[in-house]
Protein backbone atom coordinates (compact mmCIF):
# COMPACT_ATOMS: atom_id res chain seq x y z
CA MET A 1 -31.12 17.11 -18.71
CA THR A 2 -33.80 16.37 -21.30
CA ILE A 3 -31.10 15.66 -23.90
CA ASN A 4 -29.43 13.17 -21.56
CA VAL A 5 -32.72 11.31 -21.05
CA ALA A 6 -33.34 11.19 -24.81
CA VAL A 7 -29.82 9.90 -25.47
CA LEU A 8 -30.22 7.29 -22.72
CA LEU A 9 -33.49 6.08 -24.27
CA VAL A 10 -31.87 5.81 -27.71
CA VAL A 11 -28.92 3.89 -26.25
CA VAL A 12 -31.28 1.51 -24.43
CA VAL A 13 -33.21 0.84 -27.65
CA ILE A 14 -29.98 0.19 -29.58
CA VAL A 15 -28.63 -2.09 -26.83
CA LEU A 16 -31.89 -4.06 -26.78
CA ALA A 17 -31.84 -4.39 -30.57
CA LEU A 18 -28.22 -5.54 -30.57
CA GLY A 19 -28.93 -7.79 -27.61
CA VAL A 20 -31.61 -9.64 -29.55
CA LEU A 21 -29.21 -10.13 -32.47
CA ILE A 22 -26.03 -10.97 -30.50
CA ALA A 23 -27.39 -12.51 -27.28
CA PRO A 24 -27.20 -16.16 -28.49
CA THR A 25 -23.39 -15.93 -28.47
CA PRO A 26 -21.31 -15.93 -25.23
CA VAL A 27 -19.49 -12.79 -26.38
CA GLY A 28 -22.83 -11.09 -26.98
CA GLU A 29 -23.99 -12.01 -23.48
CA GLY A 30 -20.82 -10.48 -22.00
CA ILE A 31 -21.22 -7.28 -24.00
CA VAL A 32 -24.90 -6.96 -23.08
CA ASN A 33 -24.05 -7.58 -19.42
CA ILE A 34 -21.36 -4.85 -19.41
CA LEU A 35 -23.61 -2.36 -21.22
CA GLY A 36 -26.40 -3.18 -18.79
CA GLN A 37 -24.16 -2.41 -15.84
CA LEU A 38 -23.05 0.87 -17.42
CA ALA A 39 -26.64 1.84 -18.18
CA SER A 40 -27.81 1.07 -14.64
CA GLY A 41 -24.83 2.99 -13.22
CA ALA A 42 -25.65 6.03 -15.38
CA THR A 43 -29.30 5.84 -14.33
CA GLN A 44 -28.42 5.73 -10.63
CA ALA A 45 -25.93 8.60 -10.99
CA ASP A 46 -28.58 10.67 -12.78
CA ARG A 47 -30.92 10.62 -9.78
């Protein structure tokens, strides 16, 4: 459980970092949107 939380935090940090770099492009916005949905889905399933 603790490992999953740590991995999730690392993924969030990476997604945010990539989001800042890629977000100005339409493709980047799509990718960030999809990853955001996956992250929120994983968070809800974890509860």
